[in-house]
PDB file of N, CA and C in Angstrom:
ATOM      1  N   MET A   1       8.293  -6.056 -27.665  1.00  0.00           N
ATOM      2  CA  MET A   1       9.012  -5.531 -28.819  1.00  0.00           C
ATOM      3  C   MET A   1      10.431  -5.683 -28.713  1.00  0.00           C
ATOM      4  N   SER A   2      11.241  -6.186 -29.765  1.00  0.00           N
ATOM      5  CA  SER A   2      12.744  -6.444 -29.986  1.00  0.00           C
ATOM      6  C   SER A   2      13.143  -5.124 -30.316  1.00  0.00           C
ATOM      7  N   GLY A   3      14.623  -5.282 -30.042  1.00  0.00           N
ATOM      8  CA  GLY A   3      15.335  -4.052 -30.066  1.00  0.00           C
ATOM      9  C   GLY A   3      15.178  -3.298 -31.526  1.00  0.00           C
ATOM     10  N   GLY A   4      15.120  -4.067 -32.239  1.00  0.00           N
ATOM     11  CA  GLY A   4      14.954  -3.580 -33.841  1.00  0.00           C
ATOM     12  C   GLY A   4      13.926  -2.961 -34.121  1.00  0.00           C
ATOM     13  N   LYS A   5      12.880  -3.567 -33.653  1.00  0.00           N
ATOM     14  CA  LYS A   5      11.365  -2.865 -33.646  1.00  0.00           C
ATOM     15  C   LYS A   5      11.387  -1.689 -32.818  1.00  0.00           C
ATOM     16  N   ASP A   6      11.882  -1.539 -31.823  1.00  0.00           N
ATOM     17  CA  ASP A   6      11.799  -0.585 -30.662  1.00  0.00           C
ATOM     18  C   ASP A   6      12.395   0.752 -31.615  1.00  0.00           C
ATOM     19  N   LYS A   7      13.492   0.608 -32.057  1.00  0.00           N
ATOM     20  CA  LYS A   7      14.414   1.441 -32.596  1.00  0.00           C
ATOM     21  C   LYS A   7      13.474   2.026 -33.846  1.00  0.00           C
ATOM     22  N   LYS A   8      12.961   1.265 -34.903  1.00  0.00           N
ATOM     23  CA  LYS A   8      12.220   1.568 -35.924  1.00  0.00           C
ATOM     24  C   LYS A   8      10.620   2.420 -35.393  1.00  0.00           C
ATOM     25  N   ALA A   9      10.264   1.879 -34.334  1.00  0.00           N
ATOM     26  CA  ALA A   9       9.131   2.807 -33.950  1.00  0.00           C
ATOM     27  C   ALA A   9       9.450   4.034 -33.201  1.00  0.00           C
ATOM     28  N   ILE A  10      10.566   4.214 -32.980  1.00  0.00           N
ATOM     29  CA  ILE A  10      11.038   5.388 -32.286  1.00  0.00           C
ATOM     30  C   ILE A  10      11.323   6.203 -33.525  1.00  0.00           C
ATOM     31  N   GLU A  11      11.851   5.511 -34.508  1.00  0.00           N
ATOM     32  CA  GLU A  11      12.299   6.710 -35.675  1.00  0.00           C
ATOM     33  C   GLU A  11      11.122   7.003 -36.620  1.00  0.00           C
ATOM     34  N   GLU A  12      10.119   6.250 -36.501  1.00  0.00           N
ATOM     35  CA  GLU A  12       8.744   6.567 -37.033  1.00  0.00           C
ATOM     36  C   GLU A  12       7.915   7.303 -36.319  1.00  0.00           C
ATOM     37  N   GLY A  13       8.235   7.874 -34.919  1.00  0.00           N
ATOM     38  CA  GLY A  13       7.390   8.445 -34.081  1.00  0.00           C
ATOM     39  C   GLY A  13       6.493   7.964 -33.519  1.00  0.00           C
ATOM     40  N   GLU A  14       6.222   6.531 -33.642  1.00  0.00           N
ATOM     41  CA  GLU A  14       5.345   6.202 -32.962  1.00  0.00           C
ATOM     42  C   GLU A  14       5.161   6.033 -31.019  1.00  0.00           C
ATOM     43  N   PHE A  15       6.240   6.878 -30.442  1.00  0.00           N
ATOM     44  CA  PHE A  15       6.065   6.998 -29.285  1.00  0.00           C
ATOM     45  C   PHE A  15       6.042   8.549 -28.823  1.00  0.00           C
ATOM     46  N   ASP A  16       5.655   9.369 -29.715  1.00  0.00           N
ATOM     47  CA  ASP A  16       5.797  10.718 -30.059  1.00  0.00           C
ATOM     48  C   ASP A  16       4.774  11.544 -29.079  1.00  0.00           C
ATOM     49  N   GLN A  17       3.728  10.747 -28.802  1.00  0.00           N
ATOM     50  CA  GLN A  17       2.512  11.175 -28.213  1.00  0.00           C
ATOM     51  C   GLN A  17       2.223  10.707 -27.065  1.00  0.00           C
ATOM     52  N   LEU A  18       3.060   9.968 -26.530  1.00  0.00           N
ATOM     53  CA  LEU A  18       2.907   9.337 -25.196  1.00  0.00           C
ATOM     54  C   LEU A  18       3.110  10.355 -24.153  1.00  0.00           C
ATOM     55  N   LYS A  19       2.293  10.303 -22.934  1.00  0.00           N
ATOM     56  CA  LYS A  19       2.195  11.152 -22.031  1.00  0.00           C
ATOM     57  C   LYS A  19       3.745  11.363 -21.383  1.00  0.00           C
ATOM     58  N   GLY A  20       4.205  12.536 -20.812  1.00  0.00           N
ATOM     59  CA  GLY A  20       5.438  12.515 -19.922  1.00  0.00           C
ATOM     60  C   GLY A  20       6.472  12.496 -21.033  1.00  0.00           C
ATOM     61  N   ARG A  21       6.561  12.540 -22.296  1.00  0.00           N
ATOM     62  CA  ARG A  21       7.571  12.424 -23.384  1.00  0.00           C
ATOM     63  C   ARG A  21       8.529  13.449 -22.888  1.00  0.00           C
ATOM     64  N   GLY A  22       9.921  13.057 -22.713  1.00  0.00           N
ATOM     65  CA  GLY A  22      10.781  14.062 -22.652  1.00  0.00           C
ATOM     66  C   GLY A  22      10.875  14.535 -21.353  1.00  0.00           C
ATOM     67  N   LYS A  23      10.298  13.709 -20.410  1.00  0.00           N
ATOM     68  CA  LYS A  23      10.252  14.230 -18.929  1.00  0.00           C
ATOM     69  C   LYS A  23      10.901  12.966 -18.204  1.00  0.00           C
ATOM     70  N   PRO A  24      11.791  13.189 -17.308  1.00  0.00           N
ATOM     71  CA  PRO A  24      12.243  12.113 -16.368  1.00  0.00           C
ATOM     72  C   PRO A  24      11.220  11.271 -15.750  1.00  0.00           C
ATOM     73  N   LEU A  25      11.382  10.059 -15.562  1.00  0.00           N
ATOM     74  CA  LEU A  25      10.287   8.814 -14.950  1.00  0.00           C
ATOM     75  C   LEU A  25      10.396   9.436 -13.629  1.00  0.00           C
ATOM     76  N   LYS A  26       9.359   9.106 -12.914  1.00  0.00           N
ATOM     77  CA  LYS A  26       9.171   9.383 -11.516  1.00  0.00           C
ATOM     78  C   LYS A  26       9.578   8.222 -10.871  1.00  0.00           C
ATOM     79  N   GLN A  27      10.516   8.341  -9.821  1.00  0.00           N
ATOM     80  CA  GLN A  27      11.065   7.363  -9.060  1.00  0.00           C
ATOM     81  C   GLN A  27      10.259   7.279  -7.763  1.00  0.00           C
ATOM     82  N   ASP A  28      10.101   6.053  -7.667  1.00  0.00           N
ATOM     83  CA  ASP A  28       9.577   5.910  -6.145  1.00  0.00           C
ATOM     84  C   ASP A  28      10.600   5.875  -5.050  1.00  0.00           C
ATOM     85  N   ASP A  29      10.294   6.112  -4.120  1.00  0.00           N
ATOM     86  CA  ASP A  29      10.855   6.424  -2.729  1.00  0.00           C
ATOM     87  C   ASP A  29      10.663   4.998  -2.188  1.00  0.00           C
ATOM     88  N   LEU A  30      11.571   4.235  -1.974  1.00  0.00           N
ATOM     89  CA  LEU A  30      11.456   2.829  -1.546  1.00  0.00           C
ATOM     90  C   LEU A  30      12.657   2.387  -0.484  1.00  0.00           C
ATOM     91  N   SER A  31      13.023   3.674   0.271  1.00  0.00           N
ATOM     92  CA  SER A  31      13.981   3.733   1.132  1.00  0.00           C
ATOM     93  C   SER A  31      13.403   2.923   2.445  1.00  0.00           C
ATOM     94  N   HIS A  32      12.183   3.093   2.717  1.00  0.00           N
ATOM     95  CA  HIS A  32      11.570   2.438   3.831  1.00  0.00           C
ATOM     96  C   HIS A  32      11.480   0.969   3.635  1.00  0.00           C
ATOM     97  N   VAL A  33      11.602   0.341   2.299  1.00  0.00           N
ATOM     98  CA  VAL A  33      11.588  -1.019   2.077  1.00  0.00           C
ATOM     99  C   VAL A  33      13.048  -1.541   1.960  1.00  0.00           C
ATOM    100  N   PRO A  34      13.273  -2.908   2.951  1.00  0.00           N
ATOM    101  CA  PRO A  34      14.598  -3.323   2.839  1.00  0.00           C
ATOM    102  C   PRO A  34      14.929  -3.701   1.357  1.00  0.00           C
ATOM    103  N   GLU A  35      16.318  -3.583   1.024  1.00  0.00           N
ATOM    104  CA  GLU A  35      17.033  -3.634  -0.206  1.00  0.00           C
ATOM    105  C   GLU A  35      16.682  -4.832  -0.962  1.00  0.00           C
ATOM    106  N   ASP A  36      16.390  -5.938  -0.043  1.00  0.00           N
ATOM    107  CA  ASP A  36      16.229  -7.233  -0.958  1.00  0.00           C
ATOM    108  C   ASP A  36      14.716  -7.515  -1.325  1.00  0.00           C
ATOM    109  N   LEU A  37      13.737  -6.548  -0.546  1.00  0.00           N
ATOM    110  CA  LEU A  37      12.599  -6.605  -0.849  1.00  0.00           C
ATOM    111  C   LEU A  37      11.935  -5.637  -1.879  1.00  0.00           C
ATOM    112  N   ARG A  38      12.704  -4.468  -2.270  1.00  0.00           N
ATOM    113  CA  ARG A  38      12.229  -3.880  -3.271  1.00  0.00           C
ATOM    114  C   ARG A  38      11.834  -4.221  -4.571  1.00  0.00           C
ATOM    115  N   MET A  39      12.348  -4.927  -5.056  1.00  0.00           N
ATOM    116  CA  MET A  39      11.990  -5.319  -6.627  1.00  0.00           C
ATOM    117  C   MET A  39      10.555  -6.395  -6.329  1.00  0.00           C
ATOM    118  N   GLY A  40      10.524  -6.913  -5.698  1.00  0.00           N
ATOM    119  CA  GLY A  40       9.077  -7.519  -5.354  1.00  0.00           C
ATOM    120  C   GLY A  40       8.026  -6.854  -5.000  1.00  0.00           C
ATOM    121  N   TYR A  41       8.316  -5.520  -4.149  1.00  0.00           N
ATOM    122  CA  TYR A  41       7.442  -4.647  -3.905  1.00  0.00           C
ATOM    123  C   TYR A  41       7.166  -3.873  -4.715  1.00  0.00           C
ATOM    124  N   ARG A  42       8.155  -3.391  -5.680  1.00  0.00           N
ATOM    125  CA  ARG A  42       7.756  -2.724  -6.969  1.00  0.00           C
ATOM    126  C   ARG A  42       6.874  -3.195  -7.697  1.00  0.00           C
ATOM    127  N   LEU A  43       6.991  -4.581  -8.007  1.00  0.00           N
ATOM    128  CA  LEU A  43       6.473  -5.310  -9.118  1.00  0.00           C
ATOM    129  C   LEU A  43       4.803  -5.664  -8.413  1.00  0.00           C
ATOM    130  N   LEU A  44       4.791  -5.808  -7.157  1.00  0.00           N
ATOM    131  CA  LEU A  44       3.314  -5.820  -6.758  1.00  0.00           C
ATOM    132  C   LEU A  44       2.794  -4.684  -6.547  1.00  0.00           C
ATOM    133  N   LYS A  45       3.298  -3.580  -6.142  1.00  0.00           N
ATOM    134  CA  LYS A  45       2.785  -2.092  -6.334  1.00  0.00           C
ATOM    135  C   LYS A  45       2.346  -1.930  -7.884  1.00  0.00           C
ATOM    136  N   ASN A  46       3.122  -2.223  -8.875  1.00  0.00           N
ATOM    137  CA  ASN A  46       2.669  -1.987 -10.086  1.00  0.00           C
ATOM    138  C   ASN A  46       1.594  -2.562 -10.601  1.00  0.00           C
ATOM    139  N   SER A  47       1.480  -3.752 -10.281  1.00  0.00           N
ATOM    140  CA  SER A  47       0.336  -4.372 -10.765  1.00  0.00           C
ATOM    141  C   SER A  47      -0.870  -4.422  -9.806  1.00  0.00           C
ATOM    142  N   GLY A  48      -0.895  -3.380  -8.942  1.00  0.00           N
ATOM    143  CA  GLY A  48      -1.894  -2.955  -8.155  1.00  0.00           C
ATOM    144  C   GLY A  48      -2.373  -3.937  -6.836  1.00  0.00           C
ATOM    145  N   PHE A  49      -1.438  -4.689  -6.704  1.00  0.00           N
ATOM    146  CA  PHE A  49      -1.695  -5.755  -5.236  1.00  0.00           C
ATOM    147  C   PHE A  49      -1.221  -4.798  -4.175  1.00  0.00           C
ATOM    148  N   LEU A  50      -2.360  -5.178  -3.170  1.00  0.00           N
ATOM    149  CA  LEU A  50      -2.010  -4.636  -2.006  1.00  0.00           C
ATOM    150  C   LEU A  50      -2.091  -5.669  -1.025  1.00  0.00           C
ATOM    151  N   PRO A  51      -1.248  -5.813   0.045  1.00  0.00           N
ATOM    152  CA  PRO A  51      -1.183  -6.938   0.848  1.00  0.00           C
ATOM    153  C   PRO A  51      -2.067  -6.713   1.756  1.00  0.00           C
ATOM    154  N   GLU A  52      -2.821  -7.711   2.129  1.00  0.00           N
ATOM    155  CA  GLU A  52      -4.099  -7.742   3.202  1.00  0.00           C
ATOM    156  C   GLU A  52      -3.939  -6.917   4.292  1.00  0.00           C
ATOM    157  N   GLU A  53      -2.731  -7.052   4.774  1.00  0.00           N
ATOM    158  CA  GLU A  53      -2.242  -6.032   6.049  1.00  0.00           C
ATOM    159  C   GLU A  53      -2.664  -4.743   5.732  1.00  0.00           C
ATOM    160  N   LEU A  54      -1.985  -4.128   4.689  1.00  0.00           N
ATOM    161  CA  LEU A  54      -2.257  -2.815   4.429  1.00  0.00           C
ATOM    162  C   LEU A  54      -3.595  -2.566   3.874  1.00  0.00           C
ATOM    163  N   GLN A  55      -4.287  -3.340   3.111  1.00  0.00           N
ATOM    164  CA  GLN A  55      -5.408  -3.127   2.932  1.00  0.00           C
ATOM    165  C   GLN A  55      -6.662  -3.033   4.209  1.00  0.00           C
ATOM    166  N   ILE A  56      -6.300  -3.733   5.086  1.00  0.00           N
ATOM    167  CA  ILE A  56      -7.089  -3.754   6.367  1.00  0.00           C
ATOM    168  C   ILE A  56      -6.877  -2.477   7.089  1.00  0.00           C
ATOM    169  N   ASN A  57      -5.487  -1.787   7.053  1.00  0.00           N
ATOM    170  CA  ASN A  57      -4.911  -0.736   7.786  1.00  0.00           C
ATOM    171  C   ASN A  57      -5.841   0.546   7.039  1.00  0.00           C
ATOM    172  N   LYS A  58      -5.971   0.465   5.647  1.00  0.00           N
ATOM    173  CA  LYS A  58      -6.585   1.498   5.042  1.00  0.00           C
ATOM    174  C   LYS A  58      -8.094   1.403   5.470  1.00  0.00           C
ATOM    175  N   GLU A  59      -8.580   0.346   5.650  1.00  0.00           N
ATOM    176  CA  GLU A  59      -9.943  -0.031   6.164  1.00  0.00           C
ATOM    177  C   GLU A  59     -10.369   0.721   7.486  1.00  0.00           C
ATOM    178  N   LEU A  60      -9.240   0.475   8.314  1.00  0.00           N
ATOM    179  CA  LEU A  60      -9.172   0.829   9.939  1.00  0.00           C
ATOM    180  C   LEU A  60      -9.350   2.567   9.869  1.00  0.00           C
ATOM    181  N   VAL A  61      -8.622   3.002   9.042  1.00  0.00           N
ATOM    182  CA  VAL A  61      -8.456   4.698   8.859  1.00  0.00           C
ATOM    183  C   VAL A  61      -9.725   5.055   8.531  1.00  0.00           C
ATOM    184  N   THR A  62     -10.529   4.388   7.298  1.00  0.00           N
ATOM    185  CA  THR A  62     -11.739   4.935   6.760  1.00  0.00           C
ATOM    186  C   THR A  62     -12.810   4.618   7.947  1.00  0.00           C
ATOM    187  N   LEU A  63     -12.904   3.622   8.749  1.00  0.00           N
ATOM    188  CA  LEU A  63     -13.772   3.129   9.689  1.00  0.00           C
ATOM    189  C   LEU A  63     -13.642   4.067  10.904  1.00  0.00           C
ATOM    190  N   ARG A  64     -12.584   4.614  11.118  1.00  0.00           N
ATOM    191  CA  ARG A  64     -12.357   5.498  12.205  1.00  0.00           C
ATOM    192  C   ARG A  64     -12.882   6.988  11.807  1.00  0.00           C
ATOM    193  N   ASP A  65     -12.460   7.376  10.842  1.00  0.00           N
ATOM    194  CA  ASP A  65     -13.199   8.702  10.288  1.00  0.00           C
ATOM    195  C   ASP A  65     -14.640   8.507  10.115  1.00  0.00           C
ATOM    196  N   LEU A  66     -15.152   7.220   9.604  1.00  0.00           N
ATOM    197  CA  LEU A  66     -16.747   7.300   9.678  1.00  0.00           C
ATOM    198  C   LEU A  66     -17.304   7.293  10.951  1.00  0.00           C
ATOM    199  N   ILE A  67     -16.547   6.671  11.981  1.00  0.00           N
ATOM    200  CA  ILE A  67     -17.002   6.676  13.418  1.00  0.00           C
ATOM    201  C   ILE A  67     -17.128   8.081  14.100  1.00  0.00           C
ATOM    202  N   LYS A  68     -15.974   9.076  13.639  1.00  0.00           N
ATOM    203  CA  LYS A  68     -16.088  10.273  14.158  1.00  0.00           C
ATOM    204  C   LYS A  68     -17.254  11.211  13.692  1.00  0.00           C
ATOM    205  N   SER A  69     -17.468  10.802  12.426  1.00  0.00           N
ATOM    206  CA  SER A  69     -18.454  11.638  11.707  1.00  0.00           C
ATOM    207  C   SER A  69     -20.009  11.213  11.816  1.00  0.00           C
ATOM    208  N   CYS A  70     -20.061  10.267  12.449  1.00  0.00           N
ATOM    209  CA  CYS A  70     -21.634   9.305  12.620  1.00  0.00           C
ATOM    210  C   CYS A  70     -22.249  10.106  13.583  1.00  0.00           C
ATOM    211  N   ASP A  71     -23.461  10.247  13.234  1.00  0.00           N
ATOM    212  CA  ASP A  71     -24.601  10.854  14.062  1.00  0.00           C
ATOM    213  C   ASP A  71     -25.398   9.808  14.867  1.00  0.00           C
ATOM    214  N   SER A  72     -25.560   8.863  13.928  1.00  0.00           N
ATOM    215  CA  SER A  72     -26.705   7.847  14.398  1.00  0.00           C
ATOM    216  C   SER A  72     -25.874   6.788  15.412  1.00  0.00           C
ATOM    217  N   GLU A  73     -26.426   6.699  16.663  1.00  0.00           N
ATOM    218  CA  GLU A  73     -25.877   5.700  17.801  1.00  0.00           C
ATOM    219  C   GLU A  73     -25.569   4.393  17.203  1.00  0.00           C
ATOM    220  N   SER A  74     -26.923   3.786  16.737  1.00  0.00           N
ATOM    221  CA  SER A  74     -26.858   2.518  16.010  1.00  0.00           C
ATOM    222  C   SER A  74     -25.769   2.215  15.038  1.00  0.00           C
ATOM    223  N   GLU A  75     -25.652   3.293  13.908  1.00  0.00           N
ATOM    224  CA  GLU A  75     -24.611   3.148  13.004  1.00  0.00           C
ATOM    225  C   GLU A  75     -23.451   3.153  13.680  1.00  0.00           C
ATOM    226  N   LYS A  76     -23.075   3.960  14.538  1.00  0.00           N
ATOM    227  CA  LYS A  76     -21.695   3.978  15.125  1.00  0.00           C
ATOM    228  C   LYS A  76     -21.522   2.721  15.907  1.00  0.00           C
ATOM    229  N   LYS A  77     -22.523   2.317  16.574  1.00  0.00           N
ATOM    230  CA  LYS A  77     -21.891   0.877  17.248  1.00  0.00           C
ATOM    231  C   LYS A  77     -21.641  -0.193  16.114  1.00  0.00           C
ATOM    232  N   ARG A  78     -22.304  -0.151  15.055  1.00  0.00           N
ATOM    233  CA  ARG A  78     -22.304  -1.100  13.834  1.00  0.00           C
ATOM    234  C   ARG A  78     -20.610  -0.716  13.302  1.00  0.00           C
ATOM    235  N   LEU A  79     -20.477   0.263  13.252  1.00  0.00           N
ATOM    236  CA  LEU A  79     -19.016   0.683  12.474  1.00  0.00           C
ATOM    237  C   LEU A  79     -17.933   0.383  13.530  1.00  0.00           C
ATOM    238  N   GLU A  80     -18.038   0.318  14.892  1.00  0.00           N
ATOM    239  CA  GLU A  80     -17.461   0.006  15.909  1.00  0.00           C
ATOM    240  C   GLU A  80     -17.190  -1.183  15.897  1.00  0.00           C
ATOM    241  N   LYS A  81     -18.219  -2.120  15.852  1.00  0.00           N
ATOM    242  CA  LYS A  81     -18.116  -3.565  15.915  1.00  0.00           C
ATOM    243  C   LYS A  81     -17.202  -3.937  14.652  1.00  0.00           C
ATOM    244  N   LYS A  82     -17.313  -3.512  13.583  1.00  0.00           N
ATOM    245  CA  LYS A  82     -16.571  -3.629  12.314  1.00  0.00           C
ATOM    246  C   LYS A  82     -15.218  -3.507  12.763  1.00  0.00           C
ATOM    247  N   LEU A  83     -14.976  -2.212  13.166  1.00  0.00           N
ATOM    248  CA  LEU A  83     -13.637  -1.696  13.334  1.00  0.00           C
ATOM    249  C   LEU A  83     -12.750  -2.925  14.280  1.00  0.00           C
ATOM    250  N   THR A  84     -13.820  -3.161  15.281  1.00  0.00           N
ATOM    251  CA  THR A  84     -13.078  -4.182  16.162  1.00  0.00           C
ATOM    252  C   THR A  84     -12.645  -5.415  15.622  1.00  0.00           C
ATOM    253  N   GLU A  85     -13.569  -5.842  14.723  1.00  0.00           N
ATOM    254  CA  GLU A  85     -13.403  -7.199  14.038  1.00  0.00           C
ATOM    255  C   GLU A  85     -11.991  -6.868  12.919  1.00  0.00           C
ATOM    256  N   LYS A  86     -11.973  -5.983  12.173  1.00  0.00           N
ATOM    257  CA  LYS A  86     -10.745  -5.552  11.422  1.00  0.00           C
ATOM    258  C   LYS A  86      -9.295  -5.532  12.226  1.00  0.00           C
ATOM    259  N   GLU A  87      -9.317  -4.898  13.538  1.00  0.00           N
ATOM    260  CA  GLU A  87      -8.186  -4.736  14.407  1.00  0.00           C
ATOM    261  C   GLU A  87      -7.741  -6.123  14.590  1.00  0.00           C
ATOM    262  N   LEU A  88      -8.668  -7.048  15.283  1.00  0.00           N
ATOM    263  CA  LEU A  88      -8.558  -8.370  15.341  1.00  0.00           C
ATOM    264  C   LEU A  88      -8.055  -9.137  14.288  1.00  0.00           C
ATOM    265  N   ARG A  89      -8.436  -9.128  12.962  1.00  0.00           N
ATOM    266  CA  ARG A  89      -8.165  -9.768  11.988  1.00  0.00           C
ATOM    267  C   ARG A  89      -6.595  -9.098  11.430  1.00  0.00           C
ATOM    268  N   LEU A  90      -6.340  -7.984  11.833  1.00  0.00           N
ATOM    269  CA  LEU A  90      -5.030  -7.579  11.337  1.00  0.00           C
ATOM    270  C   LEU A  90      -4.000  -8.171  12.512  1.00  0.00           C
ATOM    271  N   ARG A  91      -4.462  -8.243  13.811  1.00  0.00           N
ATOM    272  CA  ARG A  91      -3.408  -8.603  14.701  1.00  0.00           C
ATOM    273  C   ARG A  91      -2.917 -10.466  14.381  1.00  0.00           C
ATOM    274  N   MET A  92      -4.210 -10.949  14.007  1.00  0.00           N
ATOM    275  CA  MET A  92      -4.006 -12.360  13.865  1.00  0.00           C
ATOM    276  C   MET A  92      -3.005 -12.308  12.534  1.00  0.00           C
ATOM    277  N   LEU A  93      -3.298 -11.432  11.359  1.00  0.00           N
ATOM    278  CA  LEU A  93      -2.318 -11.553  10.232  1.00  0.00           C
ATOM    279  C   LEU A  93      -0.888 -11.448  10.561  1.00  0.00           C
ATOM    280  N   ILE A  94      -0.691 -10.414  11.480  1.00  0.00           N
ATOM    281  CA  ILE A  94       0.657 -10.157  11.988  1.00  0.00           C
ATOM    282  C   ILE A  94       1.199 -11.217  12.853  1.00  0.00           C
ATOM    283  N   GLU A  95       0.302 -11.831  13.628  1.00  0.00           N
ATOM    284  CA  GLU A  95       0.891 -12.927  14.521  1.00  0.00           C
ATOM    285  C   GLU A  95       1.225 -14.013  13.572  1.00  0.00           C
ATOM    286  N   LYS A  96       0.532 -14.589  12.623  1.00  0.00           N
ATOM    287  CA  LYS A  96       0.549 -15.637  11.648  1.00  0.00           C
ATOM    288  C   LYS A  96       1.764 -15.741  10.876  1.00  0.00           C
ATOM    289  N   ARG A  97       1.807 -14.218  10.339  1.00  0.00           N
ATOM    290  CA  ARG A  97       2.896 -13.942   9.427  1.00  0.00           C
ATOM    291  C   ARG A  97       4.284 -13.901  10.183  1.00  0.00           C
ATOM    292  N   GLY A  98       4.411 -13.802  11.301  1.00  0.00           N
ATOM    293  CA  GLY A  98       5.450 -13.394  12.229  1.00  0.00           C
ATOM    294  C   GLY A  98       6.119 -12.197  11.965  1.00  0.00           C
ATOM    295  N   ILE A  99       5.439 -11.095  11.560  1.00  0.00           N
ATOM    296  CA  ILE A  99       5.871  -9.941  11.310  1.00  0.00           C
ATOM    297  C   ILE A  99       6.450  -9.258  12.389  1.00  0.00           C
ATOM    298  N   LYS A 100       6.165  -9.374  13.573  1.00  0.00           N
ATOM    299  CA  LYS A 100       6.519  -8.792  14.715  1.00  0.00           C
ATOM    300  C   LYS A 100       8.031  -9.399  14.921  1.00  0.00           C
ATOM    301  N   LYS A 101       8.407 -10.431  14.234  1.00  0.00           N
ATOM    302  CA  LYS A 101       9.733 -10.979  14.546  1.00  0.00           C
ATOM    303  C   LYS A 101      10.815 -10.205  13.545  1.00  0.00           C
ATOM    304  N   SER A 102      10.194  -9.492  12.516  1.00  0.00           N
ATOM    305  CA  SER A 102      11.385  -8.890  11.560  1.00  0.00           C
ATOM    306  C   SER A 102      11.998  -7.836  12.234  1.00  0.00           C
ATOM    307  N   PRO A 103      13.289  -7.476  11.609  1.00  0.00           N
ATOM    308  CA  PRO A 103      13.855  -6.299  12.177  1.00  0.00           C
ATOM    309  C   PRO A 103      13.014  -5.247  11.610  1.00  0.00           C
ATOM    310  N   VAL A 104      12.674  -5.115  10.491  1.00  0.00           N
ATOM    311  CA  VAL A 104      11.706  -4.092   9.991  1.00  0.00           C
ATOM    312  C   VAL A 104      10.675  -3.496  10.760  1.00  0.00           C
ATOM    313  N   TYR A 105      10.038  -4.627  11.180  1.00  0.00           N
ATOM    314  CA  TYR A 105       8.860  -4.306  12.108  1.00  0.00           C
ATOM    315  C   TYR A 105       9.153  -3.648  13.229  1.00  0.00           C
ATOM    316  N   ARG A 106      10.299  -4.071  13.735  1.00  0.00           N
ATOM    317  CA  ARG A 106      10.899  -3.455  15.310  1.00  0.00           C
ATOM    318  C   ARG A 106      11.298  -2.106  14.813  1.00  0.00           C
ATOM    319  N   GLN A 107      11.849  -1.841  13.555  1.00  0.00           N
ATOM    320  CA  GLN A 107      12.277  -0.512  13.722  1.00  0.00           C
ATOM    321  C   GLN A 107      11.248   0.470  13.069  1.00  0.00           C
ATOM    322  N   TYR A 108      10.118  -0.131  12.631  1.00  0.00           N
ATOM    323  CA  TYR A 108       9.150   0.849  12.400  1.00  0.00           C
ATOM    324  C   TYR A 108       7.935   0.833  13.398  1.00  0.00           C
ATOM    325  N   ARG A 109       7.979  -0.029  14.362  1.00  0.00           N
ATOM    326  CA  ARG A 109       6.492  -0.394  15.095  1.00  0.00           C
ATOM    327  C   ARG A 109       5.988   0.956  15.595  1.00  0.00           C
ATOM    328  N   HIS A 110       6.653   1.730  15.832  1.00  0.00           N
ATOM    329  CA  HIS A 110       6.121   2.953  16.693  1.00  0.00           C
ATOM    330  C   HIS A 110       5.150   3.667  15.546  1.00  0.00           C
ATOM    331  N   LYS A 111       5.742   3.572  14.392  1.00  0.00           N
ATOM    332  CA  LYS A 111       5.057   4.339  13.219  1.00  0.00           C
ATOM    333  C   LYS A 111       3.934   3.443  12.892  1.00  0.00           C
ATOM    334  N   LEU A 112       3.766   2.394  12.829  1.00  0.00           N
ATOM    335  CA  LEU A 112       2.642   1.292  12.678  1.00  0.00           C
ATOM    336  C   LEU A 112       1.726   1.649  13.761  1.00  0.00           C
ATOM    337  N   ASP A 113       2.058   1.571  15.143  1.00  0.00           N
ATOM    338  CA  ASP A 113       1.146   1.747  16.064  1.00  0.00           C
ATOM    339  C   ASP A 113       0.420   3.267  16.204  1.00  0.00           C
ATOM    340  N   ARG A 114       1.238   4.139  15.566  1.00  0.00           N
ATOM    341  CA  ARG A 114       0.763   5.555  15.503  1.00  0.00           C
ATOM    342  C   ARG A 114      -0.460   5.520  14.305  1.00  0.00           C
ATOM    343  N   LEU A 115      -0.296   4.769  13.287  1.00  0.00           N
ATOM    344  CA  LEU A 115      -1.071   4.786  12.294  1.00  0.00           C
ATOM    345  C   LEU A 115      -2.347   3.844  12.648  1.00  0.00           C
ATOM    346  N   SER A 116      -2.088   3.165  13.351  1.00  0.00           N
ATOM    347  CA  SER A 116      -3.445   2.214  13.839  1.00  0.00           C
ATOM    348  C   SER A 116      -4.341   2.849  14.492  1.00  0.00           C
ATOM    349  N   GLN A 117      -3.746   3.746  15.524  1.00  0.00           N
ATOM    350  CA  GLN A 117      -4.210   4.610  16.250  1.00  0.00           C
ATOM    351  C   GLN A 117      -5.328   6.056  15.687  1.00  0.00           C
ATOM    352  N   ARG A 118      -4.812   6.276  14.418  1.00  0.00           N
ATOM    353  CA  ARG A 118      -5.648   7.487  13.882  1.00  0.00           C
ATOM    354  C   ARG A 118      -7.245   7.061  13.532  1.00  0.00           C
TER     355      ARG A 118
END
């Protein structure tokens, strides 16, 4: 919409039924993201894109939870094998993309290590 159309739509009440009307917009806490990457991060996040490293990390957490609650030894071994494969894939991505060389990685390394051990 152009500026004139927006104003007309507002005057005609076309936006009156929108969820959250009159409330402040929720702001993302991006303090953990380097300033020069925040806009790109926000665009990717809003589009539903999750970098492969983060997707794998989520899968690792899920696999560990499944292993903890698994009763079947054969299923547990299958899940542990899958966990090992995902951990290896994550390490390969980190190496390939040079993530360990980034100052942000060094700053948050202990937190990332703790997450991957859950």
